[in-house]
Every structure is written in structure tokens, then in C-alpha cells.
Amino acid sequence: MVLTTADREELVRVTATGVHPASVIRRARVLLALDTSAGEIGSQEVIAARLGVSGETLRLVAKRFAETGGDVQATIARKRRDLPPVPSPVTGEVEARLIAMACSPPPPGYAR
């Protein structure tokens, strides 16, 4: 993968300055290590050992970089979920029944 000069500068800034989550810094370092514009890169095992990550991490970061079309910020940032992992049990029908029950008068003997 090839990074532009602006992308390289941004990644170096993320890794060297400021306060960023460890996962963001790790992905930025992986992108910098996989950049071929700075010269020949070593094998994945060497890069993984040097950065202290697994080969799978290298593969996933490179895959995400390709999926985002080379967008560095989208690659290093946390991926947001589209939907919650479990659908909510409260549907529109259930919500309507709850509202109707809450707004109706209480049953006899339960007025307090």
C-alpha cells in the first residue's frame, strides 16, 4: 500500500503527539510500517514482531485500508455499528400497549 505525504505526516502526528486511544495508535503504526512509498518493507512476520502485533492484525488493518478506499482516518478510527447487536424487545406495538396502560386509570384497589 502507498500513503501520500500528507497521510504519512498525519499518522506520524497521531503516533507521536496528543492523546489517542491505544488501538488508534496501533493501527496508525501498522499503516506506517506497511507503507511502501518509504522504501522496501520487510516480511509480515518481521513487521508484526517489531510492532508487537499479530499477523492477523496486519492483515485486518490492510484489508480495512483497502475497503475504505485509502482513507487513513476511516482506517484508524473505531468502526461504528450500524445496528445494535440484539434487536430491542420493545416494538411499536409493545410501546403502544405500555403507553395505553400507563395513561389509563388504575384497576380497583391499586389507586395508591
PDB file of N, CA and C in Angstrom:
ATOM      1  N   MET A   1       0.838  -1.173   0.000  1.00  0.00           N
ATOM      2  CA  MET A   1       0.000   0.000   0.000  1.00  0.00           C
ATOM      3  C   MET A   1       0.885   1.240   0.000  1.00  0.00           C
ATOM      4  N   VAL A   2       0.390   2.278  -0.612  1.00  0.00           N
ATOM      5  CA  VAL A   2       1.159   3.521  -0.741  1.00  0.00           C
ATOM      6  C   VAL A   2       0.383   4.644  -0.059  1.00  0.00           C
ATOM      7  N   LEU A   3       1.070   5.368   0.819  1.00  0.00           N
ATOM      8  CA  LEU A   3       0.469   6.508   1.507  1.00  0.00           C
ATOM      9  C   LEU A   3       1.002   7.802   0.914  1.00  0.00           C
ATOM     10  N   THR A   4       0.159   8.815   0.908  1.00  0.00           N
ATOM     11  CA  THR A   4       0.608  10.122   0.452  1.00  0.00           C
ATOM     12  C   THR A   4       1.443  10.769   1.560  1.00  0.00           C
ATOM     13  N   THR A   5       2.122  11.828   1.214  1.00  0.00           N
ATOM     14  CA  THR A   5       2.945  12.536   2.199  1.00  0.00           C
ATOM     15  C   THR A   5       2.077  13.100   3.321  1.00  0.00           C
ATOM     16  N   ALA A   6       0.919  13.641   2.964  1.00  0.00           N
ATOM     17  CA  ALA A   6       0.015  14.195   3.977  1.00  0.00           C
ATOM     18  C   ALA A   6      -0.483  13.095   4.916  1.00  0.00           C
ATOM     19  N   ASP A   7      -0.799  11.915   4.353  1.00  0.00           N
ATOM     20  CA  ASP A   7      -1.248  10.802   5.185  1.00  0.00           C
ATOM     21  C   ASP A   7      -0.147  10.350   6.137  1.00  0.00           C
ATOM     22  N   ARG A   8       1.077  10.263   5.627  1.00  0.00           N
ATOM     23  CA  ARG A   8       2.208   9.859   6.476  1.00  0.00           C
ATOM     24  C   ARG A   8       2.400  10.857   7.622  1.00  0.00           C
ATOM     25  N   GLU A   9       2.348  12.158   7.308  1.00  0.00           N
ATOM     26  CA  GLU A   9       2.524  13.184   8.340  1.00  0.00           C
ATOM     27  C   GLU A   9       1.431  13.087   9.396  1.00  0.00           C
ATOM     28  N   GLU A  10       0.205  12.850   8.952  1.00  0.00           N
ATOM     29  CA  GLU A  10      -0.912  12.724   9.887  1.00  0.00           C
ATOM     30  C   GLU A  10      -0.731  11.511  10.792  1.00  0.00           C
ATOM     31  N   LEU A  11      -0.301  10.380  10.225  1.00  0.00           N
ATOM     32  CA  LEU A  11      -0.094   9.177  11.025  1.00  0.00           C
ATOM     33  C   LEU A  11       1.060   9.350  12.013  1.00  0.00           C
ATOM     34  N   VAL A  12       2.113  10.022  11.583  1.00  0.00           N
ATOM     35  CA  VAL A  12       3.236  10.285  12.489  1.00  0.00           C
ATOM     36  C   VAL A  12       2.774  11.190  13.627  1.00  0.00           C
ATOM     37  N   ARG A  13       1.942  12.183  13.310  1.00  0.00           N
ATOM     38  CA  ARG A  13       1.416  13.076  14.345  1.00  0.00           C
ATOM     39  C   ARG A  13       0.551  12.307  15.332  1.00  0.00           C
ATOM     40  N   VAL A  14      -0.268  11.382  14.839  1.00  0.00           N
ATOM     41  CA  VAL A  14      -1.131  10.593  15.726  1.00  0.00           C
ATOM     42  C   VAL A  14      -0.287   9.728  16.658  1.00  0.00           C
ATOM     43  N   THR A  15       0.775   9.137  16.134  1.00  0.00           N
ATOM     44  CA  THR A  15       1.587   8.242  16.960  1.00  0.00           C
ATOM     45  C   THR A  15       2.524   8.988  17.904  1.00  0.00           C
ATOM     46  N   ALA A  16       2.872  10.224  17.583  1.00  0.00           N
ATOM     47  CA  ALA A  16       3.886  10.924  18.372  1.00  0.00           C
ATOM     48  C   ALA A  16       3.329  11.966  19.330  1.00  0.00           C
ATOM     49  N   THR A  17       2.190  12.556  19.022  1.00  0.00           N
ATOM     50  CA  THR A  17       1.696  13.655  19.852  1.00  0.00           C
ATOM     51  C   THR A  17       0.239  13.445  20.212  1.00  0.00           C
ATOM     52  N   GLY A  18      -0.208  14.154  21.211  1.00  0.00           N
ATOM     53  CA  GLY A  18      -1.611  14.165  21.580  1.00  0.00           C
ATOM     54  C   GLY A  18      -2.013  12.938  22.377  1.00  0.00           C
ATOM     55  N   VAL A  19      -3.289  12.881  22.674  1.00  0.00           N
ATOM     56  CA  VAL A  19      -3.855  11.775  23.432  1.00  0.00           C
ATOM     57  C   VAL A  19      -4.818  11.038  22.513  1.00  0.00           C
ATOM     58  N   HIS A  20      -4.487   9.807  22.199  1.00  0.00           N
ATOM     59  CA  HIS A  20      -5.316   8.981  21.324  1.00  0.00           C
ATOM     60  C   HIS A  20      -5.465   7.600  21.947  1.00  0.00           C
ATOM     61  N   PRO A  21      -6.554   6.907  21.659  1.00  0.00           N
ATOM     62  CA  PRO A  21      -6.701   5.539  22.160  1.00  0.00           C
ATOM     63  C   PRO A  21      -5.578   4.646  21.628  1.00  0.00           C
ATOM     64  N   ALA A  22      -5.227   3.645  22.414  1.00  0.00           N
ATOM     65  CA  ALA A  22      -4.130   2.747  22.049  1.00  0.00           C
ATOM     66  C   ALA A  22      -4.412   2.027  20.732  1.00  0.00           C
ATOM     67  N   SER A  23      -5.666   1.671  20.487  1.00  0.00           N
ATOM     68  CA  SER A  23      -5.990   0.970  19.244  1.00  0.00           C
ATOM     69  C   SER A  23      -5.762   1.862  18.025  1.00  0.00           C
ATOM     70  N   VAL A  24      -6.040   3.150  18.146  1.00  0.00           N
ATOM     71  CA  VAL A  24      -5.814   4.087  17.045  1.00  0.00           C
ATOM     72  C   VAL A  24      -4.316   4.216  16.770  1.00  0.00           C
ATOM     73  N   ILE A  25      -3.527   4.332  17.825  1.00  0.00           N
ATOM     74  CA  ILE A  25      -2.082   4.448  17.664  1.00  0.00           C
ATOM     75  C   ILE A  25      -1.515   3.172  17.058  1.00  0.00           C
ATOM     76  N   ARG A  26      -1.996   2.021  17.505  1.00  0.00           N
ATOM     77  CA  ARG A  26      -1.519   0.745  16.971  1.00  0.00           C
ATOM     78  C   ARG A  26      -1.813   0.624  15.477  1.00  0.00           C
ATOM     79  N   ARG A  27      -3.047   0.984  15.069  1.00  0.00           N
ATOM     80  CA  ARG A  27      -3.389   0.907  13.646  1.00  0.00           C
ATOM     81  C   ARG A  27      -2.569   1.908  12.827  1.00  0.00           C
ATOM     82  N   ALA A  28      -2.317   3.083  13.385  1.00  0.00           N
ATOM     83  CA  ALA A  28      -1.503   4.078  12.680  1.00  0.00           C
ATOM     84  C   ALA A  28      -0.085   3.559  12.488  1.00  0.00           C
ATOM     85  N   ARG A  29       0.475   2.929  13.497  1.00  0.00           N
ATOM     86  CA  ARG A  29       1.824   2.358  13.363  1.00  0.00           C
ATOM     87  C   ARG A  29       1.855   1.239  12.330  1.00  0.00           C
ATOM     88  N   VAL A  30       0.802   0.440  12.294  1.00  0.00           N
ATOM     89  CA  VAL A  30       0.727  -0.637  11.295  1.00  0.00           C
ATOM     90  C   VAL A  30       0.691  -0.046   9.892  1.00  0.00           C
ATOM     91  N   LEU A  31      -0.114   0.988   9.691  1.00  0.00           N
ATOM     92  CA  LEU A  31      -0.166   1.623   8.365  1.00  0.00           C
ATOM     93  C   LEU A  31       1.184   2.204   7.971  1.00  0.00           C
ATOM     94  N   LEU A  32       1.858   2.838   8.924  1.00  0.00           N
ATOM     95  CA  LEU A  32       3.183   3.385   8.626  1.00  0.00           C
ATOM     96  C   LEU A  32       4.175   2.278   8.277  1.00  0.00           C
ATOM     97  N   ALA A  33       4.081   1.148   8.960  1.00  0.00           N
ATOM     98  CA  ALA A  33       5.004   0.041   8.695  1.00  0.00           C
ATOM     99  C   ALA A  33       4.712  -0.634   7.358  1.00  0.00           C
ATOM    100  N   LEU A  34       3.455  -0.628   6.932  1.00  0.00           N
ATOM    101  CA  LEU A  34       3.080  -1.282   5.668  1.00  0.00           C
ATOM    102  C   LEU A  34       3.215  -0.362   4.462  1.00  0.00           C
ATOM    103  N   ASP A  35       3.564   0.902   4.686  1.00  0.00           N
ATOM    104  CA  ASP A  35       3.675   1.866   3.596  1.00  0.00           C
ATOM    105  C   ASP A  35       4.895   1.545   2.729  1.00  0.00           C
ATOM    106  N   THR A  36       4.656   1.371   1.431  1.00  0.00           N
ATOM    107  CA  THR A  36       5.749   1.035   0.514  1.00  0.00           C
ATOM    108  C   THR A  36       6.365   2.272  -0.136  1.00  0.00           C
ATOM    109  N   SER A  37       5.791   3.463   0.088  1.00  0.00           N
ATOM    110  CA  SER A  37       6.344   4.664  -0.538  1.00  0.00           C
ATOM    111  C   SER A  37       7.671   5.070   0.098  1.00  0.00           C
ATOM    112  N   ALA A  38       7.908   4.631   1.335  1.00  0.00           N
ATOM    113  CA  ALA A  38       9.152   4.988   2.025  1.00  0.00           C
ATOM    114  C   ALA A  38      10.280   4.026   1.674  1.00  0.00           C
ATOM    115  N   GLY A  39      10.004   3.008   0.901  1.00  0.00           N
ATOM    116  CA  GLY A  39      11.026   2.026   0.540  1.00  0.00           C
ATOM    117  C   GLY A  39      10.501   0.620   0.729  1.00  0.00           C
ATOM    118  N   GLU A  40      11.396  -0.331   0.616  1.00  0.00           N
ATOM    119  CA  GLU A  40      11.013  -1.741   0.739  1.00  0.00           C
ATOM    120  C   GLU A  40      10.646  -2.058   2.191  1.00  0.00           C
ATOM    121  N   ILE A  41       9.584  -2.834   2.349  1.00  0.00           N
ATOM    122  CA  ILE A  41       9.172  -3.236   3.691  1.00  0.00           C
ATOM    123  C   ILE A  41       9.571  -4.694   3.895  1.00  0.00           C
ATOM    124  N   GLY A  42       9.718  -5.085   5.149  1.00  0.00           N
ATOM    125  CA  GLY A  42      10.088  -6.451   5.464  1.00  0.00           C
ATOM    126  C   GLY A  42       8.895  -7.387   5.360  1.00  0.00           C
ATOM    127  N   SER A  43       9.112  -8.622   5.774  1.00  0.00           N
ATOM    128  CA  SER A  43       8.020  -9.595   5.741  1.00  0.00           C
ATOM    129  C   SER A  43       7.027  -9.273   6.845  1.00  0.00           C
ATOM    130  N   GLN A  44       5.850  -9.866   6.738  1.00  0.00           N
ATOM    131  CA  GLN A  44       4.817  -9.586   7.730  1.00  0.00           C
ATOM    132  C   GLN A  44       5.228 -10.068   9.117  1.00  0.00           C
ATOM    133  N   GLU A  45       5.963 -11.160   9.184  1.00  0.00           N
ATOM    134  CA  GLU A  45       6.396 -11.662  10.488  1.00  0.00           C
ATOM    135  C   GLU A  45       7.340 -10.666  11.166  1.00  0.00           C
ATOM    136  N   VAL A  46       8.229 -10.068  10.387  1.00  0.00           N
ATOM    137  CA  VAL A  46       9.182  -9.101  10.939  1.00  0.00           C
ATOM    138  C   VAL A  46       8.447  -7.849  11.404  1.00  0.00           C
ATOM    139  N   ILE A  47       7.533  -7.373  10.583  1.00  0.00           N
ATOM    140  CA  ILE A  47       6.768  -6.175  10.951  1.00  0.00           C
ATOM    141  C   ILE A  47       5.932  -6.439  12.197  1.00  0.00           C
ATOM    142  N   ALA A  48       5.257  -7.584  12.244  1.00  0.00           N
ATOM    143  CA  ALA A  48       4.420  -7.925  13.394  1.00  0.00           C
ATOM    144  C   ALA A  48       5.251  -8.016  14.668  1.00  0.00           C
ATOM    145  N   ALA A  49       6.426  -8.621  14.586  1.00  0.00           N
ATOM    146  CA  ALA A  49       7.287  -8.728  15.764  1.00  0.00           C
ATOM    147  C   ALA A  49       7.788  -7.356  16.204  1.00  0.00           C
ATOM    148  N   ARG A  50       8.140  -6.504  15.246  1.00  0.00           N
ATOM    149  CA  ARG A  50       8.652  -5.177  15.573  1.00  0.00           C
ATOM    150  C   ARG A  50       7.580  -4.312  16.239  1.00  0.00           C
ATOM    151  N   LEU A  51       6.330  -4.438  15.762  1.00  0.00           N
ATOM    152  CA  LEU A  51       5.251  -3.617  16.310  1.00  0.00           C
ATOM    153  C   LEU A  51       4.571  -4.252  17.518  1.00  0.00           C
ATOM    154  N   GLY A  52       4.806  -5.527  17.746  1.00  0.00           N
ATOM    155  CA  GLY A  52       4.170  -6.205  18.864  1.00  0.00           C
ATOM    156  C   GLY A  52       2.717  -6.532  18.611  1.00  0.00           C
ATOM    157  N   VAL A  53       2.365  -6.807  17.351  1.00  0.00           N
ATOM    158  CA  VAL A  53       1.001  -7.187  16.989  1.00  0.00           C
ATOM    159  C   VAL A  53       1.056  -8.538  16.281  1.00  0.00           C
ATOM    160  N   SER A  54      -0.102  -9.099  16.020  1.00  0.00           N
ATOM    161  CA  SER A  54      -0.154 -10.375  15.320  1.00  0.00           C
ATOM    162  C   SER A  54      -0.211 -10.142  13.808  1.00  0.00           C
ATOM    163  N   GLY A  55       0.065 -11.193  13.071  1.00  0.00           N
ATOM    164  CA  GLY A  55      -0.050 -11.119  11.620  1.00  0.00           C
ATOM    165  C   GLY A  55      -1.485 -10.858  11.186  1.00  0.00           C
ATOM    166  N   GLU A  56      -2.427 -11.349  11.977  1.00  0.00           N
ATOM    167  CA  GLU A  56      -3.844 -11.126  11.683  1.00  0.00           C
ATOM    168  C   GLU A  56      -4.190  -9.644  11.792  1.00  0.00           C
ATOM    169  N   THR A  57      -3.609  -8.948  12.762  1.00  0.00           N
ATOM    170  CA  THR A  57      -3.836  -7.511  12.906  1.00  0.00           C
ATOM    171  C   THR A  57      -3.330  -6.777  11.668  1.00  0.00           C
ATOM    172  N   LEU A  58      -2.164  -7.167  11.189  1.00  0.00           N
ATOM    173  CA  LEU A  58      -1.636  -6.553   9.967  1.00  0.00           C
ATOM    174  C   LEU A  58      -2.595  -6.763   8.801  1.00  0.00           C
ATOM    175  N   ARG A  59      -3.079  -7.990   8.670  1.00  0.00           N
ATOM    176  CA  ARG A  59      -3.979  -8.314   7.564  1.00  0.00           C
ATOM    177  C   ARG A  59      -5.278  -7.516   7.663  1.00  0.00           C
ATOM    178  N   LEU A  60      -5.842  -7.426   8.873  1.00  0.00           N
ATOM    179  CA  LEU A  60      -7.118  -6.721   9.037  1.00  0.00           C
ATOM    180  C   LEU A  60      -6.991  -5.227   8.788  1.00  0.00           C
ATOM    181  N   VAL A  61      -5.895  -4.622   9.232  1.00  0.00           N
ATOM    182  CA  VAL A  61      -5.695  -3.180   9.012  1.00  0.00           C
ATOM    183  C   VAL A  61      -5.512  -2.919   7.516  1.00  0.00           C
ATOM    184  N   ALA A  62      -4.729  -3.769   6.835  1.00  0.00           N
ATOM    185  CA  ALA A  62      -4.532  -3.595   5.395  1.00  0.00           C
ATOM    186  C   ALA A  62      -5.847  -3.792   4.641  1.00  0.00           C
ATOM    187  N   LYS A  63      -6.654  -4.752   5.076  1.00  0.00           N
ATOM    188  CA  LYS A  63      -7.950  -5.002   4.438  1.00  0.00           C
ATOM    189  C   LYS A  63      -8.879  -3.801   4.631  1.00  0.00           C
ATOM    190  N   ARG A  64      -8.903  -3.256   5.852  1.00  0.00           N
ATOM    191  CA  ARG A  64      -9.775  -2.105   6.118  1.00  0.00           C
ATOM    192  C   ARG A  64      -9.319  -0.880   5.329  1.00  0.00           C
ATOM    193  N   PHE A  65      -7.997  -0.708   5.169  1.00  0.00           N
ATOM    194  CA  PHE A  65      -7.474   0.393   4.366  1.00  0.00           C
ATOM    195  C   PHE A  65      -7.961   0.264   2.925  1.00  0.00           C
ATOM    196  N   ALA A  66      -7.955  -0.944   2.394  1.00  0.00           N
ATOM    197  CA  ALA A  66      -8.432  -1.171   1.024  1.00  0.00           C
ATOM    198  C   ALA A  66      -9.940  -0.961   0.927  1.00  0.00           C
ATOM    199  N   GLU A  67     -10.684  -1.407   1.937  1.00  0.00           N
ATOM    200  CA  GLU A  67     -12.145  -1.262   1.920  1.00  0.00           C
ATOM    201  C   GLU A  67     -12.587   0.191   1.997  1.00  0.00           C
ATOM    202  N   THR A  68     -11.823   1.020   2.703  1.00  0.00           N
ATOM    203  CA  THR A  68     -12.197   2.430   2.844  1.00  0.00           C
ATOM    204  C   THR A  68     -11.673   3.273   1.693  1.00  0.00           C
ATOM    205  N   GLY A  69     -11.053   2.642   0.718  1.00  0.00           N
ATOM    206  CA  GLY A  69     -10.563   3.381  -0.439  1.00  0.00           C
ATOM    207  C   GLY A  69      -9.332   4.212  -0.138  1.00  0.00           C
ATOM    208  N   GLY A  70      -8.536   3.795   0.834  1.00  0.00           N
ATOM    209  CA  GLY A  70      -7.318   4.527   1.164  1.00  0.00           C
ATOM    210  C   GLY A  70      -7.531   5.684   2.115  1.00  0.00           C
ATOM    211  N   ASP A  71      -8.680   5.735   2.781  1.00  0.00           N
ATOM    212  CA  ASP A  71      -8.954   6.796   3.755  1.00  0.00           C
ATOM    213  C   ASP A  71      -8.286   6.437   5.078  1.00  0.00           C
ATOM    214  N   VAL A  72      -7.264   7.199   5.442  1.00  0.00           N
ATOM    215  CA  VAL A  72      -6.482   6.901   6.637  1.00  0.00           C
ATOM    216  C   VAL A  72      -7.317   7.075   7.904  1.00  0.00           C
ATOM    217  N   GLN A  73      -8.089   8.146   7.994  1.00  0.00           N
ATOM    218  CA  GLN A  73      -8.889   8.393   9.191  1.00  0.00           C
ATOM    219  C   GLN A  73      -9.912   7.292   9.417  1.00  0.00           C
ATOM    220  N   ALA A  74     -10.569   6.842   8.343  1.00  0.00           N
ATOM    221  CA  ALA A  74     -11.551   5.772   8.480  1.00  0.00           C
ATOM    222  C   ALA A  74     -10.889   4.457   8.855  1.00  0.00           C
ATOM    223  N   THR A  75      -9.640   4.273   8.455  1.00  0.00           N
ATOM    224  CA  THR A  75      -8.933   3.036   8.754  1.00  0.00           C
ATOM    225  C   THR A  75      -8.521   2.972  10.218  1.00  0.00           C
ATOM    226  N   ILE A  76      -8.025   4.068  10.767  1.00  0.00           N
ATOM    227  CA  ILE A  76      -7.528   4.013  12.141  1.00  0.00           C
ATOM    228  C   ILE A  76      -8.619   4.254  13.173  1.00  0.00           C
ATOM    229  N   ALA A  77      -9.734   4.862  12.777  1.00  0.00           N
ATOM    230  CA  ALA A  77     -10.806   5.162  13.728  1.00  0.00           C
ATOM    231  C   ALA A  77     -11.586   3.896  14.062  1.00  0.00           C
ATOM    232  N   ARG A  78     -12.310   3.971  15.136  1.00  0.00           N
ATOM    233  CA  ARG A  78     -13.146   2.858  15.562  1.00  0.00           C
ATOM    234  C   ARG A  78     -14.326   2.726  14.609  1.00  0.00           C
ATOM    235  N   LYS A  79     -14.632   1.493  14.254  1.00  0.00           N
ATOM    236  CA  LYS A  79     -15.749   1.261  13.346  1.00  0.00           C
ATOM    237  C   LYS A  79     -17.056   1.303  14.137  1.00  0.00           C
ATOM    238  N   ARG A  80     -17.994   2.099  13.687  1.00  0.00           N
ATOM    239  CA  ARG A  80     -19.281   2.222  14.360  1.00  0.00           C
ATOM    240  C   ARG A  80     -20.238   1.148  13.851  1.00  0.00           C
ATOM    241  N   ARG A  81     -21.060   0.636  14.758  1.00  0.00           N
ATOM    242  CA  ARG A  81     -22.057  -0.361  14.368  1.00  0.00           C
ATOM    243  C   ARG A  81     -23.223   0.306  13.665  1.00  0.00           C
ATOM    244  N   ASP A  82     -23.773  -0.423  12.698  1.00  0.00           N
ATOM    245  CA  ASP A  82     -24.964   0.074  12.030  1.00  0.00           C
ATOM    246  C   ASP A  82     -26.197  -0.153  12.901  1.00  0.00           C
ATOM    247  N   LEU A  83     -26.271  -1.320  13.482  1.00  0.00           N
ATOM    248  CA  LEU A  83     -27.419  -1.697  14.303  1.00  0.00           C
ATOM    249  C   LEU A  83     -26.917  -2.228  15.643  1.00  0.00           C
ATOM    250  N   PRO A  84     -27.766  -2.205  16.677  1.00  0.00           N
ATOM    251  CA  PRO A  84     -27.349  -2.829  17.931  1.00  0.00           C
ATOM    252  C   PRO A  84     -27.206  -4.343  17.738  1.00  0.00           C
ATOM    253  N   PRO A  85     -26.396  -5.015  18.555  1.00  0.00           N
ATOM    254  CA  PRO A  85     -26.161  -6.443  18.361  1.00  0.00           C
ATOM    255  C   PRO A  85     -27.406  -7.293  18.586  1.00  0.00           C
ATOM    256  N   VAL A  86     -28.305  -6.850  19.458  1.00  0.00           N
ATOM    257  CA  VAL A  86     -29.528  -7.598  19.731  1.00  0.00           C
ATOM    258  C   VAL A  86     -30.703  -6.663  19.482  1.00  0.00           C
ATOM    259  N   PRO A  87     -31.690  -7.104  18.688  1.00  0.00           N
ATOM    260  CA  PRO A  87     -32.833  -6.209  18.458  1.00  0.00           C
ATOM    261  C   PRO A  87     -33.609  -5.965  19.752  1.00  0.00           C
ATOM    262  N   SER A  88     -34.155  -4.776  19.857  1.00  0.00           N
ATOM    263  CA  SER A  88     -34.889  -4.387  21.053  1.00  0.00           C
ATOM    264  C   SER A  88     -36.189  -5.180  21.154  1.00  0.00           C
ATOM    265  N   PRO A  89     -36.528  -5.692  22.354  1.00  0.00           N
ATOM    266  CA  PRO A  89     -37.787  -6.415  22.506  1.00  0.00           C
ATOM    267  C   PRO A  89     -38.997  -5.478  22.498  1.00  0.00           C
ATOM    268  N   VAL A  90     -38.771  -4.177  22.658  1.00  0.00           N
ATOM    269  CA  VAL A  90     -39.868  -3.214  22.674  1.00  0.00           C
ATOM    270  C   VAL A  90     -40.109  -2.740  21.242  1.00  0.00           C
ATOM    271  N   THR A  91     -41.159  -3.266  20.637  1.00  0.00           N
ATOM    272  CA  THR A  91     -41.533  -2.853  19.286  1.00  0.00           C
ATOM    273  C   THR A  91     -42.586  -1.761  19.387  1.00  0.00           C
ATOM    274  N   GLY A  92     -43.057  -1.291  18.266  1.00  0.00           N
ATOM    275  CA  GLY A  92     -44.074  -0.242  18.264  1.00  0.00           C
ATOM    276  C   GLY A  92     -45.354  -0.681  18.935  1.00  0.00           C
ATOM    277  N   GLU A  93     -45.738  -1.940  18.715  1.00  0.00           N
ATOM    278  CA  GLU A  93     -46.970  -2.457  19.318  1.00  0.00           C
ATOM    279  C   GLU A  93     -46.837  -2.552  20.836  1.00  0.00           C
ATOM    280  N   VAL A  94     -45.715  -3.054  21.309  1.00  0.00           N
ATOM    281  CA  VAL A  94     -45.488  -3.175  22.750  1.00  0.00           C
ATOM    282  C   VAL A  94     -45.444  -1.789  23.383  1.00  0.00           C
ATOM    283  N   GLU A  95     -44.784  -0.849  22.742  1.00  0.00           N
ATOM    284  CA  GLU A  95     -44.715   0.509  23.266  1.00  0.00           C
ATOM    285  C   GLU A  95     -46.101   1.135  23.348  1.00  0.00           C
ATOM    286  N   ALA A  96     -46.940   0.914  22.340  1.00  0.00           N
ATOM    287  CA  ALA A  96     -48.299   1.467  22.355  1.00  0.00           C
ATOM    288  C   ALA A  96     -49.107   0.879  23.502  1.00  0.00           C
ATOM    289  N   ARG A  97     -48.977  -0.415  23.762  1.00  0.00           N
ATOM    290  CA  ARG A  97     -49.704  -1.023  24.884  1.00  0.00           C
ATOM    291  C   ARG A  97     -49.223  -0.478  26.223  1.00  0.00           C
ATOM    292  N   LEU A  98     -47.915  -0.280  26.365  1.00  0.00           N
ATOM    293  CA  LEU A  98     -47.382   0.275  27.615  1.00  0.00           C
ATOM    294  C   LEU A  98     -47.881   1.691  27.857  1.00  0.00           C
ATOM    295  N   ILE A  99     -47.910   2.501  26.819  1.00  0.00           N
ATOM    296  CA  ILE A  99     -48.383   3.881  26.957  1.00  0.00           C
ATOM    297  C   ILE A  99     -49.866   3.889  27.310  1.00  0.00           C
ATOM    298  N   ALA A 100     -50.634   3.027  26.648  1.00  0.00           N
ATOM    299  CA  ALA A 100     -52.071   2.955  26.945  1.00  0.00           C
ATOM    300  C   ALA A 100     -52.302   2.503  28.378  1.00  0.00           C
ATOM    301  N   MET A 101     -51.515   1.537  28.853  1.00  0.00           N
ATOM    302  CA  MET A 101     -51.671   1.047  30.219  1.00  0.00           C
ATOM    303  C   MET A 101     -51.266   2.117  31.222  1.00  0.00           C
ATOM    304  N   ALA A 102     -50.210   2.866  30.948  1.00  0.00           N
ATOM    305  CA  ALA A 102     -49.737   3.899  31.871  1.00  0.00           C
ATOM    306  C   ALA A 102     -50.704   5.070  31.943  1.00  0.00           C
ATOM    307  N   CYS A 103     -51.397   5.358  30.851  1.00  0.00           N
ATOM    308  CA  CYS A 103     -52.291   6.515  30.820  1.00  0.00           C
ATOM    309  C   CYS A 103     -53.719   6.173  31.237  1.00  0.00           C
ATOM    310  N   SER A 104     -54.041   4.905  31.384  1.00  0.00           N
ATOM    311  CA  SER A 104     -55.400   4.513  31.762  1.00  0.00           C
ATOM    312  C   SER A 104     -55.553   4.575  33.288  1.00  0.00           C
ATOM    313  N   PRO A 105     -56.784   4.631  33.766  1.00  0.00           N
ATOM    314  CA  PRO A 105     -56.984   4.643  35.225  1.00  0.00           C
ATOM    315  C   PRO A 105     -56.546   3.305  35.829  1.00  0.00           C
ATOM    316  N   PRO A 106     -56.056   3.327  37.062  1.00  0.00           N
ATOM    317  CA  PRO A 106     -55.581   2.073  37.674  1.00  0.00           C
ATOM    318  C   PRO A 106     -56.744   1.138  37.982  1.00  0.00           C
ATOM    319  N   PRO A 107     -56.470  -0.172  38.068  1.00  0.00           N
ATOM    320  CA  PRO A 107     -57.537  -1.125  38.407  1.00  0.00           C
ATOM    321  C   PRO A 107     -58.035  -0.884  39.838  1.00  0.00           C
ATOM    322  N   PRO A 108     -59.218  -1.338  40.160  1.00  0.00           N
ATOM    323  CA  PRO A 108     -59.758  -1.138  41.529  1.00  0.00           C
ATOM    324  C   PRO A 108     -58.799  -1.742  42.578  1.00  0.00           C
ATOM    325  N   GLY A 109     -58.562  -0.967  43.635  1.00  0.00           N
ATOM    326  CA  GLY A 109     -57.692  -1.426  44.716  1.00  0.00           C
ATOM    327  C   GLY A 109     -56.217  -1.100  44.511  1.00  0.00           C
ATOM    328  N   TYR A 110     -55.853  -0.537  43.348  1.00  0.00           N
ATOM    329  CA  TYR A 110     -54.454  -0.224  43.060  1.00  0.00           C
ATOM    330  C   TYR A 110     -54.265   1.274  42.804  1.00  0.00           C
ATOM    331  N   ALA A 111     -55.091   2.108  43.370  1.00  0.00           N
ATOM    332  CA  ALA A 111     -55.037   3.539  43.120  1.00  0.00           C
ATOM    333  C   ALA A 111     -53.874   4.216  43.812  1.00  0.00           C
ATOM    334  N   ARG A 112     -53.298   3.607  44.833  1.00  0.00           N
ATOM    335  CA  ARG A 112     -52.199   4.258  45.540  1.00  0.00           C
ATOM    336  C   ARG A 112     -50.931   4.042  44.811  1.00  0.00           C
TER     337      ARG A 112
END
